[in-house]
């Protein structure tokens, strides 16, 4: 969570100064071993900061790792409609199936 806070700090400072790439990306490894309540709070904070400071916050996370949110936060409105899955033979990433 320290790295996450550092990343948020840098992203907001750069956005205030009109610098940086305009986005922040976190992989699911950022949340490994983190309490689901902390993960939920971190994702909500990321959504709030990105809206306030005008950068895009991107998180790649397995659907099974998405924490429960309270009714005050509409998680589904933040989800990209494109989802990767391996439910069928058409699934996978760039035609490659992971075992």
Foldseek 3Di string as FASTA:
>chain_A
DVVLVVQLVVQLVQLVVVHDDQEDEDEQVVCVPPDLVVVQVSVVVQVVSCVVSVGYYYYHDDPVSHHDDDPVDDVVVVDDPDDADPPDCPGDDPNDHDD
